[in-house]
């Protein structure tokens, strides 16, 4: 079995995955949403302190598996440096104490493998990765070969939802709340412009749309609940329309057989429906992760680690490096 640890941002998570059949035997995640909600976003130093409390508590529940472990896997990039170090420190300690090899797993590669928890992979596959930190269109040939077709020029898809939510006074994380308000709103009331509408560039951009929403909010004399619903619906429509426009541009003449959507923002059902329509038109098979595995979790890191273990991608205590990044599109 492999013990995997995830602490790249504000979710403390540990999983146990069996090598022989990829069975997820144990998985637990402790979210920090309520602690960060007061600040309207993740406070790195607070997140690190909460990881230091939560990870040992979860680890205690996995002791019965220790004698059957073959390796320790941990997220080492990308993420917040002060939170990544909590997971890496635990992984190093376990590697030494149990005399087990160590594997460093890329967090974004882990999101790709969220599609294959307790399943076989189906490479090659095209992936839309949408989260609070990243927006990427990827062509994944196998574990090692990943081609970035498009990435964001500024804000990410998920980040724009959180920032718009903050402007509207909604609680963090705002993505689910915006989706909920949008169901009761008129998505045509506010005619926001789709980003990069006249550009031939294959990329994503959300800073301009975010600013349009800000100006719209400031122009309202009275921000009634129905107006909030209409702003959420109009924003969500255009945010998703931008994603779909770029995807259709990328695959206008490019064949696609399998298409997956991953990352925390992939839980948005409005986006899922649009992607499903695209896949049906292209006669492509759509792959989505279970809702519980869309956001950051150790189960996806453990599934990714199974392939890393098969390829003997081990690292040493001294070689494992902490890699943090706030650059959008980092892979």
C-alpha atoms as a PDB file:
ATOM      1  CA  UNK A   1       0.000   0.000   0.000  1.00  0.00           C
ATOM      2  CA  UNK A   2       0.960   3.639  -0.446  1.00  0.00           C
ATOM      3  CA  UNK A   3       0.336   6.339   2.139  1.00  0.00           C
ATOM      4  CA  UNK A   4      -0.213   9.720   0.455  1.00  0.00           C
ATOM      5  CA  UNK A   5      -0.272  13.217   1.957  1.00  0.00           C
ATOM      6  CA  UNK A   6      -1.772  16.425   0.541  1.00  0.00           C
ATOM      7  CA  UNK A   7      -1.206  19.888   2.066  1.00  0.00           C
ATOM      8  CA  UNK A   8      -0.700  22.224  -0.902  1.00  0.00           C
ATOM      9  CA  UNK A   9      -3.230  24.812   0.276  1.00  0.00           C
ATOM     10  CA  UNK A  10      -6.018  24.646   2.864  1.00  0.00           C
ATOM     11  CA  UNK A  11      -7.058  20.972   2.855  1.00  0.00           C
ATOM     12  CA  UNK A  12      -5.289  18.503   5.164  1.00  0.00           C
ATOM     13  CA  UNK A  13      -5.637  15.022   3.693  1.00  0.00           C
ATOM     14  CA  UNK A  14      -4.138  11.540   3.970  1.00  0.00           C
ATOM     15  CA  UNK A  15      -5.030   8.401   2.003  1.00  0.00           C
ATOM     16  CA  UNK A  16      -4.061   4.739   1.847  1.00  0.00           C
ATOM     17  CA  UNK A  17      -4.199   3.124  -1.617  1.00  0.00           C
ATOM     18  CA  UNK A  18      -3.559  -0.543  -2.385  1.00  0.00           C
ATOM     19  CA  UNK A  19      -1.041  -1.161  -5.155  1.00  0.00           C
ATOM     20  CA  UNK A  20      -2.431  -4.442  -6.504  1.00  0.00           C
ATOM     21  CA  UNK A  21      -5.917  -3.252  -7.444  1.00  0.00           C
ATOM     22  CA  UNK A  22      -5.784   0.546  -6.869  1.00  0.00           C
ATOM     23  CA  UNK A  23      -8.379   0.234  -4.107  1.00  0.00           C
ATOM     24  CA  UNK A  24      -8.770   3.302  -1.901  1.00  0.00           C
ATOM     25  CA  UNK A  25      -8.696   1.777   1.585  1.00  0.00           C
ATOM     26  CA  UNK A  26      -8.620   4.948   3.666  1.00  0.00           C
ATOM     27  CA  UNK A  27      -9.216   8.586   2.880  1.00  0.00           C
ATOM     28  CA  UNK A  28      -9.808  11.536   5.152  1.00  0.00           C
ATOM     29  CA  UNK A  29      -9.740  15.260   4.561  1.00  0.00           C
ATOM     30  CA  UNK A  30     -10.100  18.113   7.022  1.00  0.00           C
ATOM     31  CA  UNK A  31     -11.141  21.364   5.350  1.00  0.00           C
ATOM     32  CA  UNK A  32     -10.192  24.791   6.677  1.00  0.00           C
ATOM     33  CA  UNK A  33     -12.969  26.739   4.923  1.00  0.00           C
ATOM     34  CA  UNK A  34     -14.624  27.954   8.121  1.00  0.00           C
ATOM     35  CA  UNK A  35     -11.334  29.257   9.568  1.00  0.00           C
ATOM     36  CA  UNK A  36     -10.451  31.228   6.413  1.00  0.00           C
ATOM     37  CA  UNK A  37     -13.984  32.461   5.666  1.00  0.00           C
ATOM     38  CA  UNK A  38     -13.553  35.408   8.049  1.00  0.00           C
ATOM     39  CA  UNK A  39     -10.691  36.716   5.879  1.00  0.00           C
ATOM     40  CA  UNK A  40     -12.389  36.117   2.529  1.00  0.00           C
ATOM     41  CA  UNK A  41      -9.591  33.821   1.332  1.00  0.00           C
ATOM     42  CA  UNK A  42      -6.769  31.550   2.419  1.00  0.00           C
ATOM     43  CA  UNK A  43      -4.262  32.984   4.917  1.00  0.00           C
ATOM     44  CA  UNK A  44      -1.078  30.921   4.323  1.00  0.00           C
ATOM     45  CA  UNK A  45       0.365  31.142   7.850  1.00  0.00           C
ATOM     46  CA  UNK A  46      -2.971  30.176   9.411  1.00  0.00           C
ATOM     47  CA  UNK A  47      -3.319  27.298   6.960  1.00  0.00           C
ATOM     48  CA  UNK A  48       0.142  26.012   7.933  1.00  0.00           C
ATOM     49  CA  UNK A  49      -0.722  26.048  11.645  1.00  0.00           C
ATOM     50  CA  UNK A  50      -3.967  24.197  10.982  1.00  0.00           C
ATOM     51  CA  UNK A  51      -2.131  21.559   8.917  1.00  0.00           C
ATOM     52  CA  UNK A  52       0.265  21.049  11.830  1.00  0.00           C
ATOM     53  CA  UNK A  53      -2.737  20.202  14.012  1.00  0.00           C
ATOM     54  CA  UNK A  54      -4.845  18.220  11.535  1.00  0.00           C
ATOM     55  CA  UNK A  55      -2.328  16.001   9.739  1.00  0.00           C
ATOM     56  CA  UNK A  56      -1.075  14.158  12.869  1.00  0.00           C
ATOM     57  CA  UNK A  57      -4.686  13.494  13.925  1.00  0.00           C
ATOM     58  CA  UNK A  58      -5.501  11.921  10.560  1.00  0.00           C
ATOM     59  CA  UNK A  59      -2.236   9.983  10.517  1.00  0.00           C
ATOM     60  CA  UNK A  60      -3.093   8.388  13.855  1.00  0.00           C
ATOM     61  CA  UNK A  61      -6.090   6.730  12.160  1.00  0.00           C
ATOM     62  CA  UNK A  62      -3.827   4.997   9.610  1.00  0.00           C
ATOM     63  CA  UNK A  63      -1.494   3.193  12.044  1.00  0.00           C
ATOM     64  CA  UNK A  64      -3.064  -0.215  11.354  1.00  0.00           C
ATOM     65  CA  UNK A  65      -1.804   0.003   7.751  1.00  0.00           C
ATOM     66  CA  UNK A  66       1.830   0.808   8.575  1.00  0.00           C
ATOM     67  CA  UNK A  67       3.131  -2.777   8.343  1.00  0.00           C
ATOM     68  CA  UNK A  68       1.819  -3.116   4.772  1.00  0.00           C
ATOM     69  CA  UNK A  69       3.099   0.172   3.385  1.00  0.00           C
ATOM     70  CA  UNK A  70       5.529   0.087   0.456  1.00  0.00           C
ATOM     71  CA  UNK A  71       6.084   3.839  -0.007  1.00  0.00           C
ATOM     72  CA  UNK A  72       5.181   7.343   1.149  1.00  0.00           C
ATOM     73  CA  UNK A  73       3.870   9.877  -1.414  1.00  0.00           C
ATOM     74  CA  UNK A  74       3.514  13.599  -0.813  1.00  0.00           C
ATOM     75  CA  UNK A  75       2.570  16.702  -2.795  1.00  0.00           C
ATOM     76  CA  UNK A  76       5.651  18.896  -3.258  1.00  0.00           C
ATOM     77  CA  UNK A  77       4.518  21.299  -6.027  1.00  0.00           C
ATOM     78  CA  UNK A  78       2.863  23.653  -6.814  1.00  0.00           C
ATOM     79  CA  UNK A  79       1.264  25.259  -3.778  1.00  0.00           C
ATOM     80  CA  UNK A  80       1.864  27.502  -0.779  1.00  0.00           C
ATOM     81  CA  UNK A  81       5.388  26.977   0.570  1.00  0.00           C
ATOM     82  CA  UNK A  82       4.385  27.225   4.235  1.00  0.00           C
ATOM     83  CA  UNK A  83       1.668  24.585   3.816  1.00  0.00           C
ATOM     84  CA  UNK A  84       3.585  22.245   1.510  1.00  0.00           C
ATOM     85  CA  UNK A  85       6.368  22.004   4.080  1.00  0.00           C
ATOM     86  CA  UNK A  86       3.946  20.547   6.651  1.00  0.00           C
ATOM     87  CA  UNK A  87       3.146  17.567   4.451  1.00  0.00           C
ATOM     88  CA  UNK A  88       6.716  17.131   3.269  1.00  0.00           C
ATOM     89  CA  UNK A  89       8.042  17.168   6.843  1.00  0.00           C
ATOM     90  CA  UNK A  90       5.573  14.430   7.814  1.00  0.00           C
ATOM     91  CA  UNK A  91       6.465  12.387   4.715  1.00  0.00           C
ATOM     92  CA  UNK A  92      10.188  12.611   5.502  1.00  0.00           C
ATOM     93  CA  UNK A  93       9.617  11.552   9.105  1.00  0.00           C
ATOM     94  CA  UNK A  94       7.537   8.551   8.017  1.00  0.00           C
ATOM     95  CA  UNK A  95      10.087   7.575   5.387  1.00  0.00           C
ATOM     96  CA  UNK A  96      12.837   7.510   8.020  1.00  0.00           C
ATOM     97  CA  UNK A  97      10.786   5.881  10.790  1.00  0.00           C
ATOM     98  CA  UNK A  98       9.317   3.121   8.589  1.00  0.00           C
ATOM     99  CA  UNK A  99      12.328   2.769   6.272  1.00  0.00           C
ATOM    100  CA  UNK A 100      10.209   3.348   3.164  1.00  0.00           C
ATOM    101  CA  UNK A 101      10.961   5.033  -0.175  1.00  0.00           C
ATOM    102  CA  UNK A 102       9.634   8.530  -0.777  1.00  0.00           C
ATOM    103  CA  UNK A 103       7.821   9.906  -3.843  1.00  0.00           C
ATOM    104  CA  UNK A 104       7.260  13.586  -4.667  1.00  0.00           C
ATOM    105  CA  UNK A 105       3.984  14.141  -6.568  1.00  0.00           C
ATOM    106  CA  UNK A 106       3.020  17.168  -8.645  1.00  0.00           C
ATOM    107  CA  UNK A 107      -0.323  18.471  -7.364  1.00  0.00           C
ATOM    108  CA  UNK A 108      -1.689  19.188 -10.841  1.00  0.00           C
ATOM    109  CA  UNK A 109      -0.759  15.733 -12.071  1.00  0.00           C
ATOM    110  CA  UNK A 110      -2.671  14.497  -9.027  1.00  0.00           C
ATOM    111  CA  UNK A 111      -5.782  16.333 -10.227  1.00  0.00           C
ATOM    112  CA  UNK A 112      -5.537  14.500 -13.563  1.00  0.00           C
ATOM    113  CA  UNK A 113      -5.445  11.202 -11.685  1.00  0.00           C
ATOM    114  CA  UNK A 114      -8.576  12.154  -9.712  1.00  0.00           C
ATOM    115  CA  UNK A 115     -10.392  10.770 -12.759  1.00  0.00           C
ATOM    116  CA  UNK A 116      -8.839   7.355 -12.208  1.00  0.00           C
ATOM    117  CA  UNK A 117      -9.295   6.718  -8.483  1.00  0.00           C
ATOM    118  CA  UNK A 118      -9.944   2.962  -8.207  1.00  0.00           C
ATOM    119  CA  UNK A 119      -9.818   2.803 -12.042  1.00  0.00           C
ATOM    120  CA  UNK A 120      -7.386   2.178 -14.870  1.00  0.00           C
ATOM    121  CA  UNK A 121      -6.093   5.180 -16.810  1.00  0.00           C
ATOM    122  CA  UNK A 122      -7.280   5.860 -20.363  1.00  0.00           C
ATOM    123  CA  UNK A 123      -4.392   7.769 -21.897  1.00  0.00           C
ATOM    124  CA  UNK A 124      -4.167   9.688 -24.125  1.00  0.00           C
ATOM    125  CA  UNK A 125      -6.781  12.088 -22.756  1.00  0.00           C
ATOM    126  CA  UNK A 126      -7.442  15.807 -23.085  1.00  0.00           C
ATOM    127  CA  UNK A 127      -8.018  17.656 -19.818  1.00  0.00           C
ATOM    128  CA  UNK A 128      -9.548  20.941 -18.710  1.00  0.00           C
ATOM    129  CA  UNK A 129      -8.055  21.749 -15.309  1.00  0.00           C
ATOM    130  CA  UNK A 130      -9.974  24.484 -13.502  1.00  0.00           C
ATOM    131  CA  UNK A 131      -9.230  25.398  -9.907  1.00  0.00           C
ATOM    132  CA  UNK A 132      -8.648  28.325  -7.578  1.00  0.00           C
ATOM    133  CA  UNK A 133      -5.073  28.666  -8.777  1.00  0.00           C
ATOM    134  CA  UNK A 134      -4.975  27.233 -12.278  1.00  0.00           C
ATOM    135  CA  UNK A 135      -6.807  27.106 -15.583  1.00  0.00           C
ATOM    136  CA  UNK A 136      -5.197  24.853 -18.197  1.00  0.00           C
ATOM    137  CA  UNK A 137      -6.093  22.875 -21.274  1.00  0.00           C
ATOM    138  CA  UNK A 138      -3.868  19.801 -21.435  1.00  0.00           C
ATOM    139  CA  UNK A 139      -3.148  16.901 -23.760  1.00  0.00           C
ATOM    140  CA  UNK A 140      -2.000  14.044 -21.542  1.00  0.00           C
ATOM    141  CA  UNK A 141      -0.194  11.282 -23.410  1.00  0.00           C
ATOM    142  CA  UNK A 142       0.955   9.409 -20.304  1.00  0.00           C
ATOM    143  CA  UNK A 143       2.329  10.067 -16.803  1.00  0.00           C
ATOM    144  CA  UNK A 144       5.468  11.743 -18.172  1.00  0.00           C
ATOM    145  CA  UNK A 145       4.239  13.451 -21.322  1.00  0.00           C
ATOM    146  CA  UNK A 146       1.809  16.317 -20.782  1.00  0.00           C
ATOM    147  CA  UNK A 147       1.356  19.036 -23.407  1.00  0.00           C
ATOM    148  CA  UNK A 148      -0.031  22.387 -22.272  1.00  0.00           C
ATOM    149  CA  UNK A 149      -2.344  23.609 -25.022  1.00  0.00           C
ATOM    150  CA  UNK A 150      -3.567  26.743 -23.230  1.00  0.00           C
ATOM    151  CA  UNK A 151      -3.214  28.396 -19.851  1.00  0.00           C
ATOM    152  CA  UNK A 152      -4.459  31.521 -18.111  1.00  0.00           C
ATOM    153  CA  UNK A 153      -2.845  34.896 -18.684  1.00  0.00           C
ATOM    154  CA  UNK A 154      -3.923  36.228 -15.271  1.00  0.00           C
ATOM    155  CA  UNK A 155      -6.676  35.066 -12.897  1.00  0.00           C
ATOM    156  CA  UNK A 156      -7.876  31.470 -12.902  1.00  0.00           C
ATOM    157  CA  UNK A 157     -11.461  30.316 -13.457  1.00  0.00           C
ATOM    158  CA  UNK A 158     -11.987  29.360  -9.811  1.00  0.00           C
ATOM    159  CA  UNK A 159     -10.183  32.429  -8.513  1.00  0.00           C
ATOM    160  CA  UNK A 160     -12.522  34.719 -10.467  1.00  0.00           C
ATOM    161  CA  UNK A 161     -15.525  33.095  -8.773  1.00  0.00           C
ATOM    162  CA  UNK A 162     -14.017  33.657  -5.323  1.00  0.00           C
ATOM    163  CA  UNK A 163     -13.146  37.282  -6.082  1.00  0.00           C
ATOM    164  CA  UNK A 164     -16.558  38.080  -7.542  1.00  0.00           C
ATOM    165  CA  UNK A 165     -18.132  36.424  -4.513  1.00  0.00           C
ATOM    166  CA  UNK A 166     -16.056  38.589  -2.192  1.00  0.00           C
ATOM    167  CA  UNK A 167     -17.168  41.727  -4.043  1.00  0.00           C
ATOM    168  CA  UNK A 168     -20.780  40.633  -3.562  1.00  0.00           C
ATOM    169  CA  UNK A 169     -20.237  39.970   0.131  1.00  0.00           C
ATOM    170  CA  UNK A 170     -20.659  36.197  -0.213  1.00  0.00           C
ATOM    171  CA  UNK A 171     -18.906  33.797   2.140  1.00  0.00           C
ATOM    172  CA  UNK A 172     -15.670  32.031   1.189  1.00  0.00           C
ATOM    173  CA  UNK A 173     -15.363  29.800  -0.779  1.00  0.00           C
ATOM    174  CA  UNK A 174     -17.721  31.614  -3.118  1.00  0.00           C
ATOM    175  CA  UNK A 175     -17.850  29.206  -6.072  1.00  0.00           C
ATOM    176  CA  UNK A 176     -20.710  27.034  -4.776  1.00  0.00           C
ATOM    177  CA  UNK A 177     -22.608  30.099  -3.545  1.00  0.00           C
ATOM    178  CA  UNK A 178     -22.389  31.862  -6.910  1.00  0.00           C
ATOM    179  CA  UNK A 179     -23.659  28.718  -8.612  1.00  0.00           C
ATOM    180  CA  UNK A 180     -26.539  28.544  -6.124  1.00  0.00           C
ATOM    181  CA  UNK A 181     -27.501  32.220  -6.547  1.00  0.00           C
ATOM    182  CA  UNK A 182     -27.185  31.884 -10.327  1.00  0.00           C
ATOM    183  CA  UNK A 183     -29.940  29.264 -10.393  1.00  0.00           C
ATOM    184  CA  UNK A 184     -32.373  31.977  -9.267  1.00  0.00           C
ATOM    185  CA  UNK A 185     -30.974  34.672 -11.533  1.00  0.00           C
ATOM    186  CA  UNK A 186     -31.457  36.052 -15.035  1.00  0.00           C
ATOM    187  CA  UNK A 187     -28.221  35.273 -16.875  1.00  0.00           C
ATOM    188  CA  UNK A 188     -29.041  37.744 -19.658  1.00  0.00           C
ATOM    189  CA  UNK A 189     -29.690  40.785 -17.430  1.00  0.00           C
ATOM    190  CA  UNK A 190     -26.061  41.971 -17.466  1.00  0.00           C
ATOM    191  CA  UNK A 191     -24.287  41.771 -20.804  1.00  0.00           C
ATOM    192  CA  UNK A 192     -20.702  41.182 -19.713  1.00  0.00           C
ATOM    193  CA  UNK A 193     -18.196  40.837 -22.563  1.00  0.00           C
ATOM    194  CA  UNK A 194     -16.577  37.444 -23.137  1.00  0.00           C
ATOM    195  CA  UNK A 195     -12.798  37.771 -22.549  1.00  0.00           C
ATOM    196  CA  UNK A 196     -10.445  37.663 -25.563  1.00  0.00           C
ATOM    197  CA  UNK A 197     -13.463  37.765 -27.864  1.00  0.00           C
ATOM    198  CA  UNK A 198     -11.600  39.269 -30.803  1.00  0.00           C
ATOM    199  CA  UNK A 199      -8.258  37.588 -30.147  1.00  0.00           C
ATOM    200  CA  UNK A 200      -6.805  34.605 -31.981  1.00  0.00           C
ATOM    201  CA  UNK A 201      -4.725  33.782 -28.915  1.00  0.00           C
ATOM    202  CA  UNK A 202      -5.424  30.364 -27.408  1.00  0.00           C
ATOM    203  CA  UNK A 203      -5.409  31.294 -23.728  1.00  0.00           C
ATOM    204  CA  UNK A 204      -7.673  32.108 -20.795  1.00  0.00           C
ATOM    205  CA  UNK A 205      -8.130  35.464 -19.058  1.00  0.00           C
ATOM    206  CA  UNK A 206     -10.439  36.472 -16.210  1.00  0.00           C
ATOM    207  CA  UNK A 207      -9.079  39.764 -14.857  1.00  0.00           C
ATOM    208  CA  UNK A 208     -11.087  41.828 -17.331  1.00  0.00           C
ATOM    209  CA  UNK A 209     -14.353  39.996 -16.628  1.00  0.00           C
ATOM    210  CA  UNK A 210     -13.751  40.375 -12.913  1.00  0.00           C
ATOM    211  CA  UNK A 211     -13.333  44.127 -13.397  1.00  0.00           C
ATOM    212  CA  UNK A 212     -16.557  44.315 -15.448  1.00  0.00           C
ATOM    213  CA  UNK A 213     -18.424  42.723 -12.559  1.00  0.00           C
ATOM    214  CA  UNK A 214     -16.824  45.142 -10.079  1.00  0.00           C
ATOM    215  CA  UNK A 215     -17.979  48.151 -12.102  1.00  0.00           C
ATOM    216  CA  UNK A 216     -21.442  46.624 -12.418  1.00  0.00           C
ATOM    217  CA  UNK A 217     -21.712  46.154  -8.650  1.00  0.00           C
ATOM    218  CA  UNK A 218     -20.536  49.705  -7.983  1.00  0.00           C
ATOM    219  CA  UNK A 219     -23.180  51.040 -10.415  1.00  0.00           C
ATOM    220  CA  UNK A 220     -26.058  49.452  -8.489  1.00  0.00           C
ATOM    221  CA  UNK A 221     -27.960  51.874  -6.272  1.00  0.00           C
ATOM    222  CA  UNK A 222     -29.414  49.036  -4.231  1.00  0.00           C
ATOM    223  CA  UNK A 223     -27.837  45.588  -4.284  1.00  0.00           C
ATOM    224  CA  UNK A 224     -30.986  43.562  -3.665  1.00  0.00           C
ATOM    225  CA  UNK A 225     -30.926  39.783  -3.498  1.00  0.00           C
ATOM    226  CA  UNK A 226     -32.435  39.370  -6.961  1.00  0.00           C
ATOM    227  CA  UNK A 227     -29.786  41.695  -8.387  1.00  0.00           C
ATOM    228  CA  UNK A 228     -27.103  39.564  -6.733  1.00  0.00           C
ATOM    229  CA  UNK A 229     -28.670  36.467  -8.296  1.00  0.00           C
ATOM    230  CA  UNK A 230     -28.724  38.152 -11.718  1.00  0.00           C
ATOM    231  CA  UNK A 231     -25.081  39.265 -11.426  1.00  0.00           C
ATOM    232  CA  UNK A 232     -24.035  35.739 -10.406  1.00  0.00           C
ATOM    233  CA  UNK A 233     -25.979  34.186 -13.296  1.00  0.00           C
ATOM    234  CA  UNK A 234     -24.635  36.669 -15.851  1.00  0.00           C
ATOM    235  CA  UNK A 235     -21.066  36.294 -14.599  1.00  0.00           C
ATOM    236  CA  UNK A 236     -21.218  32.488 -14.568  1.00  0.00           C
ATOM    237  CA  UNK A 237     -22.651  32.404 -18.100  1.00  0.00           C
ATOM    238  CA  UNK A 238     -19.825  34.531 -19.500  1.00  0.00           C
ATOM    239  CA  UNK A 239     -17.086  32.835 -17.436  1.00  0.00           C
ATOM    240  CA  UNK A 240     -18.136  29.443 -18.800  1.00  0.00           C
ATOM    241  CA  UNK A 241     -18.724  30.814 -22.308  1.00  0.00           C
ATOM    242  CA  UNK A 242     -15.102  31.990 -22.357  1.00  0.00           C
ATOM    243  CA  UNK A 243     -13.845  28.520 -21.402  1.00  0.00           C
ATOM    244  CA  UNK A 244     -16.006  26.861 -24.037  1.00  0.00           C
ATOM    245  CA  UNK A 245     -15.011  29.342 -26.736  1.00  0.00           C
ATOM    246  CA  UNK A 246     -11.318  28.575 -26.163  1.00  0.00           C
ATOM    247  CA  UNK A 247     -11.921  24.814 -26.022  1.00  0.00           C
ATOM    248  CA  UNK A 248     -13.836  24.881 -29.317  1.00  0.00           C
ATOM    249  CA  UNK A 249     -11.033  26.949 -30.828  1.00  0.00           C
ATOM    250  CA  UNK A 250      -8.435  24.401 -29.676  1.00  0.00           C
ATOM    251  CA  UNK A 251     -10.375  21.441 -31.066  1.00  0.00           C
ATOM    252  CA  UNK A 252     -11.713  22.978 -34.256  1.00  0.00           C
ATOM    253  CA  UNK A 253      -9.419  20.724 -36.280  1.00  0.00           C
ATOM    254  CA  UNK A 254      -7.949  18.597 -33.495  1.00  0.00           C
ATOM    255  CA  UNK A 255      -9.320  15.118 -32.798  1.00  0.00           C
ATOM    256  CA  UNK A 256     -10.455  14.325 -29.267  1.00  0.00           C
ATOM    257  CA  UNK A 257     -11.487  10.842 -28.102  1.00  0.00           C
ATOM    258  CA  UNK A 258     -11.419  11.202 -24.311  1.00  0.00           C
ATOM    259  CA  UNK A 259     -11.968  14.498 -22.496  1.00  0.00           C
ATOM    260  CA  UNK A 260     -11.800  15.058 -18.751  1.00  0.00           C
ATOM    261  CA  UNK A 261     -12.517  17.985 -16.457  1.00  0.00           C
ATOM    262  CA  UNK A 262     -10.671  18.192 -13.132  1.00  0.00           C
ATOM    263  CA  UNK A 263      -9.896  20.604 -10.283  1.00  0.00           C
ATOM    264  CA  UNK A 264     -12.018  22.193  -7.576  1.00  0.00           C
ATOM    265  CA  UNK A 265     -14.019  24.325 -10.019  1.00  0.00           C
ATOM    266  CA  UNK A 266     -14.903  21.235 -12.087  1.00  0.00           C
ATOM    267  CA  UNK A 267     -17.686  20.664  -9.548  1.00  0.00           C
ATOM    268  CA  UNK A 268     -19.618  23.520 -11.198  1.00  0.00           C
ATOM    269  CA  UNK A 269     -22.611  21.804 -12.814  1.00  0.00           C
ATOM    270  CA  UNK A 270     -23.206  24.627 -15.319  1.00  0.00           C
ATOM    271  CA  UNK A 271     -19.687  24.086 -16.669  1.00  0.00           C
ATOM    272  CA  UNK A 272     -20.129  20.311 -16.659  1.00  0.00           C
ATOM    273  CA  UNK A 273     -23.266  20.563 -18.774  1.00  0.00           C
ATOM    274  CA  UNK A 274     -21.507  22.733 -21.366  1.00  0.00           C
ATOM    275  CA  UNK A 275     -18.547  20.350 -21.506  1.00  0.00           C
ATOM    276  CA  UNK A 276     -20.946  17.408 -21.868  1.00  0.00           C
ATOM    277  CA  UNK A 277     -22.623  19.100 -24.847  1.00  0.00           C
ATOM    278  CA  UNK A 278     -19.199  19.706 -26.432  1.00  0.00           C
ATOM    279  CA  UNK A 279     -18.156  16.069 -25.949  1.00  0.00           C
ATOM    280  CA  UNK A 280     -21.387  14.762 -27.461  1.00  0.00           C
ATOM    281  CA  UNK A 281     -20.874  16.969 -30.510  1.00  0.00           C
ATOM    282  CA  UNK A 282     -17.320  15.660 -30.863  1.00  0.00           C
ATOM    283  CA  UNK A 283     -18.368  12.063 -30.088  1.00  0.00           C
ATOM    284  CA  UNK A 284     -15.824  12.072 -27.275  1.00  0.00           C
ATOM    285  CA  UNK A 285     -16.108  10.235 -23.961  1.00  0.00           C
ATOM    286  CA  UNK A 286     -16.452  12.637 -21.018  1.00  0.00           C
ATOM    287  CA  UNK A 287     -14.622  11.799 -17.778  1.00  0.00           C
ATOM    288  CA  UNK A 288     -15.428  13.594 -14.510  1.00  0.00           C
ATOM    289  CA  UNK A 289     -14.230  12.952 -10.971  1.00  0.00           C
ATOM    290  CA  UNK A 290     -16.634  12.220  -8.153  1.00  0.00           C
ATOM    291  CA  UNK A 291     -17.604  15.444  -6.370  1.00  0.00           C
ATOM    292  CA  UNK A 292     -15.647  14.468  -3.248  1.00  0.00           C
ATOM    293  CA  UNK A 293     -12.462  14.222  -5.309  1.00  0.00           C
ATOM    294  CA  UNK A 294     -12.765  17.481  -7.301  1.00  0.00           C
ATOM    295  CA  UNK A 295     -11.112  19.668  -4.654  1.00  0.00           C
ATOM    296  CA  UNK A 296      -7.654  18.964  -3.215  1.00  0.00           C
ATOM    297  CA  UNK A 297      -7.366  15.501  -1.681  1.00  0.00           C
ATOM    298  CA  UNK A 298      -4.835  12.780  -0.902  1.00  0.00           C
ATOM    299  CA  UNK A 299      -6.791  10.088  -2.772  1.00  0.00           C
ATOM    300  CA  UNK A 300      -5.795  11.604  -6.125  1.00  0.00           C
ATOM    301  CA  UNK A 301      -2.185  11.895  -4.937  1.00  0.00           C
ATOM    302  CA  UNK A 302      -2.251   8.228  -3.943  1.00  0.00           C
ATOM    303  CA  UNK A 303      -3.669   7.135  -7.308  1.00  0.00           C
ATOM    304  CA  UNK A 304      -1.015   9.154  -9.106  1.00  0.00           C
ATOM    305  CA  UNK A 305       1.616   7.618  -6.831  1.00  0.00           C
ATOM    306  CA  UNK A 306       0.687   4.117  -8.017  1.00  0.00           C
ATOM    307  CA  UNK A 307       1.980   4.962 -11.496  1.00  0.00           C
ATOM    308  CA  UNK A 308       4.990   6.755 -10.017  1.00  0.00           C
ATOM    309  CA  UNK A 309       5.751   3.624  -7.965  1.00  0.00           C
ATOM    310  CA  UNK A 310       5.484   1.404 -11.055  1.00  0.00           C
ATOM    311  CA  UNK A 311       8.017   3.648 -12.796  1.00  0.00           C
ATOM    312  CA  UNK A 312      10.257   3.687  -9.677  1.00  0.00           C
ATOM    313  CA  UNK A 313      10.119   7.482  -9.432  1.00  0.00           C
ATOM    314  CA  UNK A 314      11.565   7.610  -5.937  1.00  0.00           C
ATOM    315  CA  UNK A 315      13.432  10.451  -4.278  1.00  0.00           C
ATOM    316  CA  UNK A 316      15.614  10.671  -1.203  1.00  0.00           C
ATOM    317  CA  UNK A 317      15.130  12.690   1.973  1.00  0.00           C
ATOM    318  CA  UNK A 318      17.787  15.142   0.844  1.00  0.00           C
ATOM    319  CA  UNK A 319      16.660  15.316  -2.780  1.00  0.00           C
ATOM    320  CA  UNK A 320      12.976  16.049  -2.258  1.00  0.00           C
ATOM    321  CA  UNK A 321      12.444  19.711  -2.982  1.00  0.00           C
ATOM    322  CA  UNK A 322       9.688  22.053  -1.950  1.00  0.00           C
ATOM    323  CA  UNK A 323       8.405  23.914  -4.992  1.00  0.00           C
ATOM    324  CA  UNK A 324       5.909  26.719  -4.505  1.00  0.00           C
ATOM    325  CA  UNK A 325       4.359  28.831  -7.214  1.00  0.00           C
ATOM    326  CA  UNK A 326       1.734  31.538  -7.535  1.00  0.00           C
ATOM    327  CA  UNK A 327       2.221  31.763 -11.289  1.00  0.00           C
ATOM    328  CA  UNK A 328      -0.975  30.826 -13.089  1.00  0.00           C
ATOM    329  CA  UNK A 329      -0.636  27.857 -15.405  1.00  0.00           C
ATOM    330  CA  UNK A 330       2.322  26.345 -13.568  1.00  0.00           C
ATOM    331  CA  UNK A 331       2.780  22.647 -14.305  1.00  0.00           C
END
